[in-house]
Amino acid sequence: MNKKWRKILLFALPPVVIVGGFIYWLMWTGTTDDIEAVADQFQPDSSWTLVQSSSNPPATICASACPSLTRNWDMDSTATQDDIINAVKRSGWADVKIRNGCDPEQVAQNGNFCTMYGFVEGYQVQIIALRSNSKSDPPTVSLHMQ
């Protein structure tokens, strides 16, 4: 290889490698395996029906919180605040606590009859139980993690 090409490679290659590495770093997206493994610890009642599950993987650039995960269950109409509390207890999530009470009487005010917050293995966890105002829609439980 002659000196001219050696100089071109010597000066051109490092910026190309740096720019390529920077672009890779900007575009990097991880997996949701870790957050899903923690979410899988949640033990809903056997009568609940999972109706939605979505997750956003970790990434260098995020439009919203990432990683994050949301799962929603429909409950039968007889579900109570104790069902929510027991699901959290079965999951072993001792740090997830009731916030602002867990009272069906509060339904008229905001629709939530139970809201719980905490941290599990470094992820912020929020569990919200909603009573439906419509007889055709069942009550729901939502698990949000980020």
Protein backbone atom coordinates (compact mmCIF):
# COMPACT_ATOMS: atom_id res chain seq x y z
CA MET A 1 0.00 0.00 0.00
CA ASN A 2 1.44 3.36 -0.91
CA LYS A 3 1.85 6.30 1.47
CA LYS A 4 -1.09 8.22 0.03
CA TRP A 5 -3.62 5.47 0.84
CA ARG A 6 -2.06 4.87 4.23
CA LYS A 7 -2.56 8.56 5.13
CA ILE A 8 -6.14 8.48 3.87
CA LEU A 9 -6.92 5.41 5.97
CA LEU A 10 -5.07 6.80 8.99
CA PHE A 11 -7.10 10.04 8.98
CA ALA A 12 -10.43 8.83 7.56
CA LEU A 13 -10.95 5.56 9.40
CA PRO A 14 -11.06 6.87 13.02
CA PRO A 15 -13.82 9.46 12.33
CA VAL A 16 -15.84 6.83 10.43
CA VAL A 17 -15.54 4.42 13.37
CA ILE A 18 -16.41 7.14 15.90
CA VAL A 19 -19.43 8.36 13.92
CA GLY A 20 -20.58 4.76 13.37
CA GLY A 21 -20.26 4.01 17.09
CA PHE A 22 -22.17 7.17 17.98
CA ILE A 23 -24.98 6.31 15.56
CA TYR A 24 -25.16 2.78 17.00
CA TRP A 25 -25.33 4.22 20.53
CA LEU A 26 -28.15 6.60 19.51
CA MET A 27 -30.15 3.83 17.86
CA TRP A 28 -29.57 1.20 20.58
CA THR A 29 -32.64 -0.60 21.91
CA GLY A 30 -32.44 -3.25 24.62
CA THR A 31 -34.80 -6.05 25.58
CA THR A 32 -37.75 -6.10 27.95
CA ASP A 33 -36.69 -9.42 29.49
CA ASP A 34 -35.78 -7.93 32.91
CA ILE A 35 -38.93 -5.84 33.41
CA GLU A 36 -41.12 -8.69 32.14
CA ALA A 37 -39.48 -11.11 34.58
CA VAL A 38 -40.33 -8.77 37.46
CA ALA A 39 -43.89 -8.24 36.14
CA ASP A 40 -44.32 -12.02 35.89
CA GLN A 41 -43.93 -12.18 39.68
CA PHE A 42 -47.33 -10.47 40.02
CA GLN A 43 -49.90 -13.13 40.93
CA PRO A 44 -53.37 -12.00 39.83
CA ASP A 45 -56.44 -13.84 41.01
CA SER A 46 -57.25 -16.87 38.83
CA SER A 47 -60.61 -15.31 37.95
CA TRP A 48 -59.00 -12.24 36.36
CA THR A 49 -58.60 -12.17 32.58
CA LEU A 50 -55.52 -10.58 31.03
CA VAL A 51 -56.86 -8.28 28.31
CA GLN A 52 -53.80 -6.21 27.40
CA SER A 53 -50.05 -6.32 27.79
CA SER A 54 -47.50 -3.93 26.31
CA SER A 55 -43.92 -2.94 26.98
CA ASN A 56 -41.32 -0.44 25.81
CA PRO A 57 -37.70 -1.61 25.79
CA PRO A 58 -34.83 0.40 27.22
CA ALA A 59 -33.26 2.72 24.66
CA THR A 60 -30.72 5.51 24.47
CA ILE A 61 -33.39 7.93 23.25
CA CYS A 62 -36.92 7.49 24.62
CA ALA A 63 -40.11 9.34 23.77
CA SER A 64 -41.63 8.17 27.06
CA ALA A 65 -40.47 6.19 30.08
CA CYS A 66 -38.43 3.19 29.15
CA PRO A 67 -38.22 0.50 29.95
CA SER A 68 -41.87 0.36 30.88
CA LEU A 69 -44.61 -2.25 31.00
CA THR A 70 -48.40 -2.17 31.32
CA ARG A 71 -50.75 -5.09 31.88
CA ASN A 72 -54.52 -4.87 32.31
CA TRP A 73 -56.91 -7.48 33.67
CA ASP A 74 -60.69 -7.59 33.73
CA MET A 75 -62.07 -8.75 37.08
CA ASP A 76 -65.37 -10.35 37.75
CA SER A 77 -67.96 -8.05 39.25
CA THR A 78 -67.47 -9.44 42.75
CA ALA A 79 -63.81 -8.38 43.06
CA THR A 80 -62.95 -6.48 46.22
CA GLN A 81 -60.10 -4.43 47.57
CA ASP A 82 -58.94 -7.56 49.43
CA ASP A 83 -58.50 -9.30 46.06
CA ILE A 84 -56.05 -6.58 45.00
CA ILE A 85 -54.19 -6.63 48.31
CA ASN A 86 -53.97 -10.43 48.25
CA ALA A 87 -52.59 -10.44 44.70
CA VAL A 88 -49.78 -8.13 45.83
CA LYS A 89 -49.13 -10.28 48.91
CA ARG A 90 -49.02 -13.49 46.83
CA SER A 91 -46.48 -11.78 44.57
CA GLY A 92 -44.16 -11.17 47.52
CA TRP A 93 -44.09 -7.44 46.82
CA ALA A 94 -43.84 -6.22 50.42
CA ASP A 95 -42.72 -2.73 49.34
CA VAL A 96 -45.88 -2.12 47.27
CA LYS A 97 -48.23 -0.29 49.62
CA ILE A 98 -51.72 1.18 49.50
CA ARG A 99 -51.78 4.88 48.79
CA ASN A 100 -54.64 7.12 49.93
CA GLY A 101 -56.67 4.21 51.20
CA CYS A 102 -58.18 1.29 49.38
CA ASP A 103 -61.81 2.15 49.81
CA PRO A 104 -64.72 1.31 47.52
CA GLU A 105 -66.53 4.40 48.88
CA GLN A 106 -64.00 6.58 47.00
CA VAL A 107 -65.26 5.26 43.68
CA ALA A 108 -67.77 8.06 43.33
CA GLN A 109 -64.95 10.59 43.58
CA ASN A 110 -62.40 9.29 41.10
CA GLY A 111 -63.27 5.78 39.89
CA ASN A 112 -60.26 4.17 41.61
CA PHE A 113 -61.07 1.95 44.50
CA CYS A 114 -57.51 0.88 45.17
CA THR A 115 -54.16 2.40 44.24
CA MET A 116 -50.84 0.89 45.31
CA TYR A 117 -47.28 2.12 44.76
CA GLY A 118 -43.82 0.83 45.47
CA PHE A 119 -40.55 -0.42 44.08
CA VAL A 120 -39.72 -3.99 43.08
CA GLU A 121 -36.17 -4.88 42.03
CA GLY A 122 -35.50 -1.27 41.05
CA TYR A 123 -38.69 -0.75 39.05
CA GLN A 124 -41.40 1.68 40.10
CA VAL A 125 -44.68 -0.24 40.38
CA GLN A 126 -48.18 1.19 40.31
CA ILE A 127 -51.30 -0.96 40.61
CA ILE A 128 -54.67 0.67 40.05
CA ALA A 129 -58.04 -1.02 40.45
CA LEU A 130 -60.93 0.72 38.73
CA ARG A 131 -64.62 0.20 39.21
CA SER A 132 -66.66 0.61 36.08
CA ASN A 133 -69.46 3.14 35.92
CA SER A 134 -71.12 1.00 33.27
CA LYS A 135 -72.77 -2.34 33.97
CA SER A 136 -71.47 -3.71 30.66
CA ASP A 137 -67.79 -3.02 31.49
CA PRO A 138 -66.12 -5.13 34.17
CA PRO A 139 -63.88 -3.65 36.86
CA THR A 140 -60.20 -3.64 35.85
CA VAL A 141 -56.77 -3.85 37.42
CA SER A 142 -53.79 -2.17 35.78
CA LEU A 143 -50.14 -2.89 36.52
CA HIS A 144 -47.73 -0.16 35.39
CA MET A 145 -43.97 -0.50 35.78
CA GLN A 146 -41.04 1.68 34.79
